[in-house]
Amino acid sequence: MVRISVAAVLAFAVAALAITPNNAGAKNVGGGKGAQFITGGCVNDADCQTKCCANASGVGVCSAVAAQFQAGKSGCNFVDPNAAATIAAAKAQVQKQGF
């Protein structure tokens, strides 16, 4: 019984630590100019300064190559299948932020 409890706690902790893109770099999402910083959103590798758009549970997040498999990410070379919607959401975030 203890093993099930420990496993449940670990599963919850991993889910709580899931990576989500930092909204501060919304203006760089979908630009393809390599202007996005690590932890910023991306639709493919061309958005990121590091040239690594990692898949974080179906969401692109710029990552250091050395960290592409950390915190639930499944590696570089993510191409967002919903890029148009992601870019539209990023533009809306920029309007909301005002920068």
C-alpha atoms as a PDB file:
ATOM      1  CA  MET A   1       0.000   0.000   0.000  1.00  0.00           C
ATOM      2  CA  VAL A   2       2.847   2.398   0.721  1.00  0.00           C
ATOM      3  CA  ARG A   3       4.237   1.955  -2.787  1.00  0.00           C
ATOM      4  CA  ILE A   4       0.937   3.013  -4.325  1.00  0.00           C
ATOM      5  CA  SER A   5       0.874   6.157  -2.194  1.00  0.00           C
ATOM      6  CA  VAL A   6       4.445   7.068  -3.081  1.00  0.00           C
ATOM      7  CA  ALA A   7       3.727   6.463  -6.768  1.00  0.00           C
ATOM      8  CA  ALA A   8       0.647   8.667  -6.588  1.00  0.00           C
ATOM      9  CA  VAL A   9       2.603  11.472  -4.942  1.00  0.00           C
ATOM     10  CA  LEU A  10       5.348  11.241  -7.562  1.00  0.00           C
ATOM     11  CA  ALA A  11       2.830  11.296 -10.412  1.00  0.00           C
ATOM     12  CA  PHE A  12       1.194  14.392  -8.939  1.00  0.00           C
ATOM     13  CA  ALA A  13       4.561  16.105  -8.502  1.00  0.00           C
ATOM     14  CA  VAL A  14       5.555  15.440 -12.106  1.00  0.00           C
ATOM     15  CA  ALA A  15       2.236  16.814 -13.362  1.00  0.00           C
ATOM     16  CA  ALA A  16       2.609  19.911 -11.191  1.00  0.00           C
ATOM     17  CA  LEU A  17       6.060  20.584 -12.632  1.00  0.00           C
ATOM     18  CA  ALA A  18       4.935  20.427 -16.254  1.00  0.00           C
ATOM     19  CA  ILE A  19       6.587  23.069 -18.379  1.00  0.00           C
ATOM     20  CA  THR A  20       4.448  25.827 -19.876  1.00  0.00           C
ATOM     21  CA  PRO A  21       5.755  28.633 -22.095  1.00  0.00           C
ATOM     22  CA  ASN A  22       6.568  31.994 -20.549  1.00  0.00           C
ATOM     23  CA  ASN A  23       4.078  34.583 -21.885  1.00  0.00           C
ATOM     24  CA  ALA A  24       6.649  37.395 -21.754  1.00  0.00           C
ATOM     25  CA  GLY A  25       8.038  36.270 -25.111  1.00  0.00           C
ATOM     26  CA  ALA A  26       4.697  35.989 -26.882  1.00  0.00           C
ATOM     27  CA  LYS A  27       5.803  38.457 -29.578  1.00  0.00           C
ATOM     28  CA  ASN A  28       8.474  35.968 -30.707  1.00  0.00           C
ATOM     29  CA  VAL A  29       6.128  33.003 -31.240  1.00  0.00           C
ATOM     30  CA  GLY A  30       5.937  32.062 -34.904  1.00  0.00           C
ATOM     31  CA  GLY A  31       8.395  34.712 -36.062  1.00  0.00           C
ATOM     32  CA  GLY A  32      10.991  32.193 -37.213  1.00  0.00           C
ATOM     33  CA  LYS A  33      13.806  34.660 -36.471  1.00  0.00           C
ATOM     34  CA  GLY A  34      15.486  32.799 -33.604  1.00  0.00           C
ATOM     35  CA  ALA A  35      14.519  35.587 -31.219  1.00  0.00           C
ATOM     36  CA  GLN A  36      12.749  33.513 -28.550  1.00  0.00           C
ATOM     37  CA  PHE A  37      14.490  32.895 -25.232  1.00  0.00           C
ATOM     38  CA  ILE A  38      14.596  29.651 -23.265  1.00  0.00           C
ATOM     39  CA  THR A  39      11.176  28.919 -21.680  1.00  0.00           C
ATOM     40  CA  GLY A  40       9.388  31.019 -24.299  1.00  0.00           C
ATOM     41  CA  GLY A  41       6.766  29.533 -26.578  1.00  0.00           C
ATOM     42  CA  CYS A  42       7.552  28.323 -30.094  1.00  0.00           C
ATOM     43  CA  VAL A  43       5.952  26.625 -33.063  1.00  0.00           C
ATOM     44  CA  ASN A  44       9.227  25.157 -34.389  1.00  0.00           C
ATOM     45  CA  ASP A  45      13.008  25.286 -33.901  1.00  0.00           C
ATOM     46  CA  ALA A  46      13.358  28.474 -36.011  1.00  0.00           C
ATOM     47  CA  ASP A  47      11.645  30.527 -33.283  1.00  0.00           C
ATOM     48  CA  CYS A  48      14.288  29.717 -30.642  1.00  0.00           C
ATOM     49  CA  GLN A  49      17.708  31.266 -30.054  1.00  0.00           C
ATOM     50  CA  THR A  50      18.889  27.766 -29.174  1.00  0.00           C
ATOM     51  CA  LYS A  51      17.295  26.235 -32.308  1.00  0.00           C
ATOM     52  CA  CYS A  52      15.461  23.797 -29.989  1.00  0.00           C
ATOM     53  CA  CYS A  53      11.678  23.926 -29.775  1.00  0.00           C
ATOM     54  CA  ALA A  54      10.938  21.081 -27.369  1.00  0.00           C
ATOM     55  CA  ASN A  55       7.632  19.250 -27.129  1.00  0.00           C
ATOM     56  CA  ALA A  56       6.154  19.829 -23.674  1.00  0.00           C
ATOM     57  CA  SER A  57       2.989  17.712 -23.822  1.00  0.00           C
ATOM     58  CA  GLY A  58       1.894  19.094 -27.174  1.00  0.00           C
ATOM     59  CA  VAL A  59       3.076  22.646 -26.563  1.00  0.00           C
ATOM     60  CA  GLY A  60       6.325  24.062 -27.941  1.00  0.00           C
ATOM     61  CA  VAL A  61       8.773  25.609 -25.498  1.00  0.00           C
ATOM     62  CA  CYS A  62      12.270  26.841 -26.351  1.00  0.00           C
ATOM     63  CA  SER A  63      14.840  24.785 -24.520  1.00  0.00           C
ATOM     64  CA  ALA A  64      18.548  24.378 -24.162  1.00  0.00           C
ATOM     65  CA  VAL A  65      19.612  21.309 -26.139  1.00  0.00           C
ATOM     66  CA  ALA A  66      21.100  19.851 -22.946  1.00  0.00           C
ATOM     67  CA  ALA A  67      17.703  20.188 -21.216  1.00  0.00           C
ATOM     68  CA  GLN A  68      15.460  18.992 -24.054  1.00  0.00           C
ATOM     69  CA  PHE A  69      14.364  15.872 -22.157  1.00  0.00           C
ATOM     70  CA  GLN A  70      14.017  17.442 -18.697  1.00  0.00           C
ATOM     71  CA  ALA A  71      10.790  18.367 -16.887  1.00  0.00           C
ATOM     72  CA  GLY A  72       8.567  16.244 -19.104  1.00  0.00           C
ATOM     73  CA  LYS A  73       9.828  17.573 -22.441  1.00  0.00           C
ATOM     74  CA  SER A  74      10.256  15.028 -25.221  1.00  0.00           C
ATOM     75  CA  GLY A  75      13.049  16.599 -27.239  1.00  0.00           C
ATOM     76  CA  CYS A  76      13.818  19.271 -29.821  1.00  0.00           C
ATOM     77  CA  ASN A  77      12.396  19.524 -33.342  1.00  0.00           C
ATOM     78  CA  PHE A  78       8.790  20.033 -32.215  1.00  0.00           C
ATOM     79  CA  VAL A  79       6.558  21.339 -34.992  1.00  0.00           C
ATOM     80  CA  ASP A  80       3.238  22.617 -33.673  1.00  0.00           C
ATOM     81  CA  PRO A  81       0.389  21.003 -35.621  1.00  0.00           C
ATOM     82  CA  ASN A  82      -1.825  23.896 -34.470  1.00  0.00           C
ATOM     83  CA  ALA A  83       0.688  26.636 -35.330  1.00  0.00           C
ATOM     84  CA  ALA A  84      -1.915  29.083 -36.675  1.00  0.00           C
ATOM     85  CA  ALA A  85      -3.951  28.896 -33.460  1.00  0.00           C
ATOM     86  CA  THR A  86      -0.807  29.128 -31.302  1.00  0.00           C
ATOM     87  CA  ILE A  87       0.402  32.209 -33.194  1.00  0.00           C
ATOM     88  CA  ALA A  88      -3.058  33.818 -32.931  1.00  0.00           C
ATOM     89  CA  ALA A  89      -3.104  33.174 -29.165  1.00  0.00           C
ATOM     90  CA  ALA A  90       0.396  34.660 -28.863  1.00  0.00           C
ATOM     91  CA  LYS A  91      -0.674  37.785 -30.764  1.00  0.00           C
ATOM     92  CA  ALA A  92      -3.673  38.135 -28.455  1.00  0.00           C
ATOM     93  CA  GLN A  93      -1.320  37.848 -25.469  1.00  0.00           C
ATOM     94  CA  VAL A  94       0.888  40.606 -26.910  1.00  0.00           C
ATOM     95  CA  GLN A  95      -2.179  42.858 -27.292  1.00  0.00           C
ATOM     96  CA  LYS A  96      -3.180  42.110 -23.690  1.00  0.00           C
ATOM     97  CA  GLN A  97       0.331  42.832 -22.404  1.00  0.00           C
ATOM     98  CA  GLY A  98       0.834  45.916 -24.517  1.00  0.00           C
ATOM     99  CA  PHE A  99       4.382  44.967 -25.510  1.00  0.00           C
END
